[in-house]
Amino acid sequence: IWVFGVTYVTGAAIALMAGIRLALALTGRVSA
């Protein structure tokens, strides 16, 4: 789990960033 558990961090971090980007895009707050 110390080897494959890194995907917890990767999945969570990318999900968080994609979620924020998606929320910004849906609310029309993506800057030029």
PDB file of all heavy atoms in Angstrom:
ATOM      1  N   ILE A   1       0.837  -1.196   0.000  1.00  0.00           N
ATOM      2  CA  ILE A   1       0.000   0.000   0.000  1.00  0.00           C
ATOM      3  C   ILE A   1       0.875   1.250   0.000  1.00  0.00           C
ATOM      4  O   ILE A   1       0.466   2.303  -0.481  1.00  0.00           O
ATOM      5  CB  ILE A   1      -1.001  -0.002   1.178  1.00  0.00           C
ATOM      6  CG1 ILE A   1      -2.106   1.038   0.940  1.00  0.00           C
ATOM      7  CG2 ILE A   1      -0.319   0.246   2.494  1.00  0.00           C
ATOM      8  CD1 ILE A   1      -2.940   0.816  -0.289  1.00  0.00           C
ATOM      9  N   TRP A   2       2.114   1.139   0.519  1.00  0.00           N
ATOM     10  CA  TRP A   2       3.039   2.272   0.480  1.00  0.00           C
ATOM     11  C   TRP A   2       3.524   2.543  -0.939  1.00  0.00           C
ATOM     12  O   TRP A   2       3.981   3.647  -1.238  1.00  0.00           O
ATOM     13  CB  TRP A   2       4.229   2.039   1.397  1.00  0.00           C
ATOM     14  CG  TRP A   2       3.855   2.165   2.829  1.00  0.00           C
ATOM     15  CD1 TRP A   2       3.656   1.143   3.710  1.00  0.00           C
ATOM     16  CD2 TRP A   2       3.585   3.372   3.532  1.00  0.00           C
ATOM     17  NE1 TRP A   2       3.284   1.642   4.926  1.00  0.00           N
ATOM     18  CE2 TRP A   2       3.236   3.020   4.845  1.00  0.00           C
ATOM     19  CE3 TRP A   2       3.606   4.715   3.178  1.00  0.00           C
ATOM     20  CZ2 TRP A   2       2.915   3.959   5.807  1.00  0.00           C
ATOM     21  CZ3 TRP A   2       3.287   5.659   4.138  1.00  0.00           C
ATOM     22  CH2 TRP A   2       2.947   5.280   5.435  1.00  0.00           C
ATOM     23  N   VAL A   3       3.418   1.574  -1.806  1.00  0.00           N
ATOM     24  CA  VAL A   3       3.786   1.775  -3.210  1.00  0.00           C
ATOM     25  C   VAL A   3       2.578   2.273  -3.990  1.00  0.00           C
ATOM     26  O   VAL A   3       2.617   3.324  -4.629  1.00  0.00           O
ATOM     27  CB  VAL A   3       4.327   0.467  -3.836  1.00  0.00           C
ATOM     28  CG1 VAL A   3       4.659   0.665  -5.300  1.00  0.00           C
ATOM     29  CG2 VAL A   3       5.528  -0.036  -3.056  1.00  0.00           C
ATOM     30  N   PHE A   4       1.487   1.542  -3.927  1.00  0.00           N
ATOM     31  CA  PHE A   4       0.309   1.876  -4.730  1.00  0.00           C
ATOM     32  C   PHE A   4      -0.580   2.927  -4.088  1.00  0.00           C
ATOM     33  O   PHE A   4      -1.459   3.483  -4.744  1.00  0.00           O
ATOM     34  CB  PHE A   4      -0.491   0.609  -5.021  1.00  0.00           C
ATOM     35  CG  PHE A   4       0.301  -0.421  -5.778  1.00  0.00           C
ATOM     36  CD1 PHE A   4       0.569  -1.652  -5.228  1.00  0.00           C
ATOM     37  CD2 PHE A   4       0.801  -0.141  -7.032  1.00  0.00           C
ATOM     38  CE1 PHE A   4       1.311  -2.598  -5.917  1.00  0.00           C
ATOM     39  CE2 PHE A   4       1.546  -1.073  -7.737  1.00  0.00           C
ATOM     40  CZ  PHE A   4       1.800  -2.304  -7.175  1.00  0.00           C
ATOM     41  N   GLY A   5      -0.358   3.221  -2.824  1.00  0.00           N
ATOM     42  CA  GLY A   5      -1.149   4.241  -2.137  1.00  0.00           C
ATOM     43  C   GLY A   5      -0.895   5.645  -2.630  1.00  0.00           C
ATOM     44  O   GLY A   5      -1.665   6.557  -2.339  1.00  0.00           O
ATOM     45  N   VAL A   6       0.174   5.841  -3.406  1.00  0.00           N
ATOM     46  CA  VAL A   6       0.441   7.160  -3.969  1.00  0.00           C
ATOM     47  C   VAL A   6      -0.715   7.595  -4.876  1.00  0.00           C
ATOM     48  O   VAL A   6      -0.934   8.784  -5.073  1.00  0.00           O
ATOM     49  CB  VAL A   6       1.801   7.181  -4.712  1.00  0.00           C
ATOM     50  CG1 VAL A   6       1.750   6.383  -5.997  1.00  0.00           C
ATOM     51  CG2 VAL A   6       2.257   8.605  -4.974  1.00  0.00           C
ATOM     52  N   THR A   7      -1.481   6.635  -5.377  1.00  0.00           N
ATOM     53  CA  THR A   7      -2.612   7.004  -6.237  1.00  0.00           C
ATOM     54  C   THR A   7      -3.743   7.653  -5.441  1.00  0.00           C
ATOM     55  O   THR A   7      -4.590   8.327  -6.031  1.00  0.00           O
ATOM     56  CB  THR A   7      -3.138   5.786  -7.027  1.00  0.00           C
ATOM     57  OG1 THR A   7      -3.427   4.733  -6.111  1.00  0.00           O
ATOM     58  CG2 THR A   7      -2.113   5.322  -8.036  1.00  0.00           C
ATOM     59  N   TYR A   8      -3.758   7.468  -4.126  1.00  0.00           N
ATOM     60  CA  TYR A   8      -4.701   8.237  -3.295  1.00  0.00           C
ATOM     61  C   TYR A   8      -4.398   9.726  -3.438  1.00  0.00           C
ATOM     62  O   TYR A   8      -5.290  10.541  -3.690  1.00  0.00           O
ATOM     63  CB  TYR A   8      -4.554   7.868  -1.815  1.00  0.00           C
ATOM     64  CG  TYR A   8      -5.274   6.629  -1.356  1.00  0.00           C
ATOM     65  CD1 TYR A   8      -4.594   5.679  -0.601  1.00  0.00           C
ATOM     66  CD2 TYR A   8      -6.605   6.423  -1.622  1.00  0.00           C
ATOM     67  CE1 TYR A   8      -5.231   4.541  -0.146  1.00  0.00           C
ATOM     68  CE2 TYR A   8      -7.260   5.289  -1.172  1.00  0.00           C
ATOM     69  CZ  TYR A   8      -6.576   4.355  -0.435  1.00  0.00           C
ATOM     70  OH  TYR A   8      -7.213   3.234   0.023  1.00  0.00           O
ATOM     71  N   VAL A   9      -3.132  10.066  -3.275  1.00  0.00           N
ATOM     72  CA  VAL A   9      -2.710  11.462  -3.332  1.00  0.00           C
ATOM     73  C   VAL A   9      -2.928  12.023  -4.734  1.00  0.00           C
ATOM     74  O   VAL A   9      -3.473  13.114  -4.905  1.00  0.00           O
ATOM     75  CB  VAL A   9      -1.229  11.596  -2.913  1.00  0.00           C
ATOM     76  CG1 VAL A   9      -0.757  13.037  -3.020  1.00  0.00           C
ATOM     77  CG2 VAL A   9      -1.029  11.066  -1.509  1.00  0.00           C
ATOM     78  N   THR A  10      -2.514  11.274  -5.745  1.00  0.00           N
ATOM     79  CA  THR A  10      -2.653  11.741  -7.122  1.00  0.00           C
ATOM     80  C   THR A  10      -4.116  11.918  -7.503  1.00  0.00           C
ATOM     81  O   THR A  10      -4.500  12.950  -8.051  1.00  0.00           O
ATOM     82  CB  THR A  10      -1.975  10.759  -8.095  1.00  0.00           C
ATOM     83  OG1 THR A  10      -0.616  10.613  -7.716  1.00  0.00           O
ATOM     84  CG2 THR A  10      -2.052  11.249  -9.522  1.00  0.00           C
ATOM     85  N   GLY A  11      -4.930  10.921  -7.213  1.00  0.00           N
ATOM     86  CA  GLY A  11      -6.352  11.006  -7.542  1.00  0.00           C
ATOM     87  C   GLY A  11      -7.032  12.160  -6.834  1.00  0.00           C
ATOM     88  O   GLY A  11      -7.796  12.921  -7.441  1.00  0.00           O
ATOM     89  N   ALA A  12      -6.748  12.326  -5.543  1.00  0.00           N
ATOM     90  CA  ALA A  12      -7.371  13.406  -4.778  1.00  0.00           C
ATOM     91  C   ALA A  12      -6.917  14.777  -5.266  1.00  0.00           C
ATOM     92  O   ALA A  12      -7.736  15.693  -5.425  1.00  0.00           O
ATOM     93  CB  ALA A  12      -7.063  13.238  -3.294  1.00  0.00           C
ATOM     94  N   ALA A  13      -5.624  14.934  -5.514  1.00  0.00           N
ATOM     95  CA  ALA A  13      -5.105  16.238  -5.947  1.00  0.00           C
ATOM     96  C   ALA A  13      -5.641  16.625  -7.321  1.00  0.00           C
ATOM     97  O   ALA A  13      -6.080  17.766  -7.523  1.00  0.00           O
ATOM     98  CB  ALA A  13      -3.578  16.212  -5.965  1.00  0.00           C
ATOM     99  N   ILE A  14      -5.632  15.687  -8.252  1.00  0.00           N
ATOM    100  CA  ILE A  14      -6.129  16.008  -9.588  1.00  0.00           C
ATOM    101  C   ILE A  14      -7.637  16.218  -9.563  1.00  0.00           C
ATOM    102  O   ILE A  14      -8.155  17.109 -10.239  1.00  0.00           O
ATOM    103  CB  ILE A  14      -5.694  14.921 -10.602  1.00  0.00           C
ATOM    104  CG1 ILE A  14      -4.185  15.014 -10.825  1.00  0.00           C
ATOM    105  CG2 ILE A  14      -6.448  15.066 -11.932  1.00  0.00           C
ATOM    106  CD1 ILE A  14      -3.608  13.956 -11.739  1.00  0.00           C
ATOM    107  N   ALA A  15      -8.356  15.444  -8.766  1.00  0.00           N
ATOM    108  CA  ALA A  15      -9.808  15.645  -8.644  1.00  0.00           C
ATOM    109  C   ALA A  15     -10.111  17.026  -8.074  1.00  0.00           C
ATOM    110  O   ALA A  15     -11.020  17.720  -8.555  1.00  0.00           O
ATOM    111  CB  ALA A  15     -10.415  14.561  -7.762  1.00  0.00           C
ATOM    112  N   LEU A  16      -9.352  17.445  -7.083  1.00  0.00           N
ATOM    113  CA  LEU A  16      -9.556  18.767  -6.495  1.00  0.00           C
ATOM    114  C   LEU A  16      -9.307  19.865  -7.522  1.00  0.00           C
ATOM    115  O   LEU A  16     -10.127  20.778  -7.685  1.00  0.00           O
ATOM    116  CB  LEU A  16      -8.641  18.943  -5.279  1.00  0.00           C
ATOM    117  CG  LEU A  16      -8.712  20.296  -4.574  1.00  0.00           C
ATOM    118  CD1 LEU A  16     -10.093  20.502  -3.953  1.00  0.00           C
ATOM    119  CD2 LEU A  16      -7.626  20.402  -3.522  1.00  0.00           C
ATOM    120  N   MET A  17      -8.194  19.767  -8.242  1.00  0.00           N
ATOM    121  CA  MET A  17      -7.890  20.793  -9.254  1.00  0.00           C
ATOM    122  C   MET A  17      -8.916  20.799 -10.377  1.00  0.00           C
ATOM    123  O   MET A  17      -9.369  21.865 -10.813  1.00  0.00           O
ATOM    124  CB  MET A  17      -6.488  20.579  -9.817  1.00  0.00           C
ATOM    125  CG  MET A  17      -5.393  20.950  -8.848  1.00  0.00           C
ATOM    126  SD  MET A  17      -3.744  20.836  -9.575  1.00  0.00           S
ATOM    127  CE  MET A  17      -3.469  19.068  -9.502  1.00  0.00           C
ATOM    128  N   ALA A  18      -9.296  19.617 -10.856  1.00  0.00           N
ATOM    129  CA  ALA A  18     -10.287  19.542 -11.937  1.00  0.00           C
ATOM    130  C   ALA A  18     -11.642  20.047 -11.457  1.00  0.00           C
ATOM    131  O   ALA A  18     -12.354  20.715 -12.209  1.00  0.00           O
ATOM    132  CB  ALA A  18     -10.401  18.112 -12.454  1.00  0.00           C
ATOM    133  N   GLY A  19     -11.995  19.740 -10.214  1.00  0.00           N
ATOM    134  CA  GLY A  19     -13.258  20.225  -9.656  1.00  0.00           C
ATOM    135  C   GLY A  19     -13.290  21.737  -9.568  1.00  0.00           C
ATOM    136  O   GLY A  19     -14.303  22.373  -9.900  1.00  0.00           O
ATOM    137  N   ILE A  20     -12.191  22.331  -9.136  1.00  0.00           N
ATOM    138  CA  ILE A  20     -12.117  23.799  -9.060  1.00  0.00           C
ATOM    139  C   ILE A  20     -12.196  24.405 -10.452  1.00  0.00           C
ATOM    140  O   ILE A  20     -12.943  25.357 -10.685  1.00  0.00           O
ATOM    141  CB  ILE A  20     -10.827  24.231  -8.332  1.00  0.00           C
ATOM    142  CG1 ILE A  20     -10.926  23.878  -6.850  1.00  0.00           C
ATOM    143  CG2 ILE A  20     -10.566  25.726  -8.516  1.00  0.00           C
ATOM    144  CD1 ILE A  20      -9.626  24.023  -6.083  1.00  0.00           C
ATOM    145  N   ARG A  21     -11.458  23.830 -11.394  1.00  0.00           N
ATOM    146  CA  ARG A  21     -11.497  24.339 -12.776  1.00  0.00           C
ATOM    147  C   ARG A  21     -12.893  24.196 -13.376  1.00  0.00           C
ATOM    148  O   ARG A  21     -13.372  25.087 -14.081  1.00  0.00           O
ATOM    149  CB  ARG A  21     -10.481  23.605 -13.645  1.00  0.00           C
ATOM    150  CG  ARG A  21      -9.060  23.946 -13.326  1.00  0.00           C
ATOM    151  CD  ARG A  21      -8.111  23.151 -14.184  1.00  0.00           C
ATOM    152  NE  ARG A  21      -6.731  23.360 -13.786  1.00  0.00           N
ATOM    153  CZ  ARG A  21      -5.711  22.686 -14.263  1.00  0.00           C
ATOM    154  NH1 ARG A  21      -5.901  21.755 -15.183  1.00  0.00           N
ATOM    155  NH2 ARG A  21      -4.495  22.937 -13.849  1.00  0.00           N
ATOM    156  N   LEU A  22     -13.537  23.080 -13.088  1.00  0.00           N
ATOM    157  CA  LEU A  22     -14.892  22.861 -13.598  1.00  0.00           C
ATOM    158  C   LEU A  22     -15.862  23.867 -12.996  1.00  0.00           C
ATOM    159  O   LEU A  22     -16.685  24.449 -13.710  1.00  0.00           O
ATOM    160  CB  LEU A  22     -15.330  21.422 -13.289  1.00  0.00           C
ATOM    161  CG  LEU A  22     -16.695  20.992 -13.815  1.00  0.00           C
ATOM    162  CD1 LEU A  22     -16.757  21.091 -15.332  1.00  0.00           C
ATOM    163  CD2 LEU A  22     -16.992  19.563 -13.372  1.00  0.00           C
ATOM    164  N   ALA A  23     -15.757  24.105 -11.694  1.00  0.00           N
ATOM    165  CA  ALA A  23     -16.634  25.073 -11.033  1.00  0.00           C
ATOM    166  C   ALA A  23     -16.419  26.477 -11.594  1.00  0.00           C
ATOM    167  O   ALA A  23     -17.390  27.214 -11.847  1.00  0.00           O
ATOM    168  CB  ALA A  23     -16.396  25.056  -9.525  1.00  0.00           C
ATOM    169  N   LEU A  24     -15.172  26.847 -11.806  1.00  0.00           N
ATOM    170  CA  LEU A  24     -14.883  28.164 -12.382  1.00  0.00           C
ATOM    171  C   LEU A  24     -15.446  28.284 -13.799  1.00  0.00           C
ATOM    172  O   LEU A  24     -15.990  29.322 -14.175  1.00  0.00           O
ATOM    173  CB  LEU A  24     -13.375  28.433 -12.390  1.00  0.00           C
ATOM    174  CG  LEU A  24     -12.721  28.667 -11.030  1.00  0.00           C
ATOM    175  CD1 LEU A  24     -11.210  28.751 -11.176  1.00  0.00           C
ATOM    176  CD2 LEU A  24     -13.272  29.924 -10.379  1.00  0.00           C
ATOM    177  N   ALA A  25     -15.299  27.220 -14.575  1.00  0.00           N
ATOM    178  CA  ALA A  25     -15.810  27.255 -15.951  1.00  0.00           C
ATOM    179  C   ALA A  25     -17.335  27.323 -15.966  1.00  0.00           C
ATOM    180  O   ALA A  25     -17.921  28.068 -16.761  1.00  0.00           O
ATOM    181  CB  ALA A  25     -15.327  26.036 -16.723  1.00  0.00           C
ATOM    182  N   LEU A  26     -17.984  26.559 -15.098  1.00  0.00           N
ATOM    183  CA  LEU A  26     -19.457  26.549 -15.068  1.00  0.00           C
ATOM    184  C   LEU A  26     -20.033  27.883 -14.586  1.00  0.00           C
ATOM    185  O   LEU A  26     -21.140  28.260 -14.976  1.00  0.00           O
ATOM    186  CB  LEU A  26     -19.960  25.411 -14.192  1.00  0.00           C
ATOM    187  CG  LEU A  26     -19.789  24.007 -14.772  1.00  0.00           C
ATOM    188  CD1 LEU A  26     -20.139  22.946 -13.733  1.00  0.00           C
ATOM    189  CD2 LEU A  26     -20.627  23.840 -16.033  1.00  0.00           C
ATOM    190  N   THR A  27     -19.288  28.583 -13.756  1.00  0.00           N
ATOM    191  CA  THR A  27     -19.758  29.882 -13.266  1.00  0.00           C
ATOM    192  C   THR A  27     -19.258  31.037 -14.120  1.00  0.00           C
ATOM    193  O   THR A  27     -19.520  32.196 -13.809  1.00  0.00           O
ATOM    194  CB  THR A  27     -19.327  30.103 -11.794  1.00  0.00           C
ATOM    195  OG1 THR A  27     -17.908  30.014 -11.707  1.00  0.00           O
ATOM    196  CG2 THR A  27     -19.986  29.091 -10.878  1.00  0.00           C
ATOM    197  N   GLY A  28     -18.524  30.724 -15.194  1.00  0.00           N
ATOM    198  CA  GLY A  28     -18.058  31.752 -16.120  1.00  0.00           C
ATOM    199  C   GLY A  28     -16.933  32.605 -15.565  1.00  0.00           C
ATOM    200  O   GLY A  28     -16.777  33.757 -15.972  1.00  0.00           O
ATOM    201  N   ARG A  29     -16.148  32.061 -14.652  1.00  0.00           N
ATOM    202  CA  ARG A  29     -15.081  32.835 -14.019  1.00  0.00           C
ATOM    203  C   ARG A  29     -13.691  32.404 -14.488  1.00  0.00           C
ATOM    204  O   ARG A  29     -12.714  32.616 -13.775  1.00  0.00           O
ATOM    205  CB  ARG A  29     -15.194  32.730 -12.501  1.00  0.00           C
ATOM    206  CG  ARG A  29     -16.473  33.350 -12.005  1.00  0.00           C
ATOM    207  CD  ARG A  29     -16.649  33.382 -10.517  1.00  0.00           C
ATOM    208  NE  ARG A  29     -15.602  32.756  -9.748  1.00  0.00           N
ATOM    209  CZ  ARG A  29     -15.793  32.202  -8.568  1.00  0.00           C
ATOM    210  NH1 ARG A  29     -16.987  32.176  -8.045  1.00  0.00           N
ATOM    211  NH2 ARG A  29     -14.791  31.662  -7.914  1.00  0.00           N
ATOM    212  N   VAL A  30     -13.585  31.849 -15.677  1.00  0.00           N
ATOM    213  CA  VAL A  30     -12.279  31.504 -16.236  1.00  0.00           C
ATOM    214  C   VAL A  30     -11.720  32.760 -16.889  1.00  0.00           C
ATOM    215  O   VAL A  30     -12.335  33.320 -17.794  1.00  0.00           O
ATOM    216  CB  VAL A  30     -12.378  30.360 -17.268  1.00  0.00           C
ATOM    217  CG1 VAL A  30     -11.023  30.056 -17.860  1.00  0.00           C
ATOM    218  CG2 VAL A  30     -12.976  29.128 -16.645  1.00  0.00           C
ATOM    219  N   SER A  31     -10.565  33.200 -16.411  1.00  0.00           N
ATOM    220  CA  SER A  31      -9.979  34.430 -16.946  1.00  0.00           C
ATOM    221  C   SER A  31      -9.430  34.187 -18.353  1.00  0.00           C
ATOM    222  O   SER A  31      -9.195  33.049 -18.768  1.00  0.00           O
ATOM    223  CB  SER A  31      -8.865  34.920 -16.027  1.00  0.00           C
ATOM    224  OG  SER A  31      -7.783  34.011 -16.054  1.00  0.00           O
ATOM    225  N   ALA A  32      -9.192  35.290 -19.062  1.00  0.00           N
ATOM    226  CA  ALA A  32      -8.633  35.190 -20.410  1.00  0.00           C
ATOM    227  C   ALA A  32      -7.228  34.584 -20.370  1.00  0.00           C
ATOM    228  O   ALA A  32      -6.852  33.798 -21.240  1.00  0.00           O
ATOM    229  CB  ALA A  32      -8.596  36.566 -21.059  1.00  0.00           C
TER     230      ALA A  32
END
